[in-house]
């Protein structure tokens, strides 16, 4: 923006903020914020030398740590700016501590903060009364914000407890008309990863290579990373699958790693002999066209599994058939290649 400084008028800057990039791109509230601030500046006979816009930035970030907030601080210090105009307090602060620290700092530099829309009137910190009211209202705002946060947490807690949708897509769960139900194939994958991590001591990075090597995708089709592996296997919401209302499929107990690692586990259990590793670790769907091609080489494996494999094949075979058509892979991963 071209600077337009008029002599003999107090210099001011305008600060605008929207909390999402989408809002900024669509001009949501930016135009109205700017218009209100410019009208206020004309009323007060201020010279607006620059406008700062923070796009997609949360108010929880301290003002001087925001990209344009930092730039504004540098600008007002170098250009003898005596006033900062903002449409509302929530564009600047979300807690009293940030408010007080910033107002104290600005006051020490003889810089006034002006809130254009304050209960139908304006408010500025150039007077002691203005600073007092700003502090009181800031405390009330923080209280309201905290109460909203508490209500939100309680609401999410209630929805989790009753298996209602409380967030976006969750790996291991399907949503039908707001109700969450276990996706047993994905839960199978989760237990497989938990066994690798807590049973064998394989790192999150190593597990992500195994998952990606078998062309297993995340909930939205993305690749696995170490962070997503760790977050997925440790997500306590998965414990809800054990509620009586959710019936596990008949094939669930055929795998040696399902329901093996307790949900309270937070370190490797060393379930296997030192340095042991399966020579050929199968996909979590170890069926190729209805036939068992390989089995887990672990102390938990037994011959009885083969007698129940048809149930597993009937429910999971098509998934692997489709995967083979796309990738040409049979889903078998050689651990020596890791």
Foldseek 3Di string as FASTA:
>chain_A
DAFDDDPPAAEEEEEEEDQAQVCVVVVNPVVVFVVLQVVVCVVVRHRHGYYFYQYNHALDDQQCPGPRSVVVVVVCVVPVHAEYETAACRRHHQALVSVVVVLVVSVVVNHKYKHCDDPNHIAMDNDPVSVVVVSVVRHVNNVVVVVVVVVLVVVLVVCLVQQFDNDDDAQQWDDDPRHIAGPQLSLLVLLVLCCCCQAVVDALQRVLCLCVVLVHAGPVRHGGHSVVSVCNNLPVSVVVCPDPVHDHFPLQPLALRRPPDDNPDDHHPNNFDPPDAFQKDAASLQAEPQDRPDHGPGPSDDPVSRVVSNSSCVVCVVVQVVVCVVPVDNRIDGPVVD
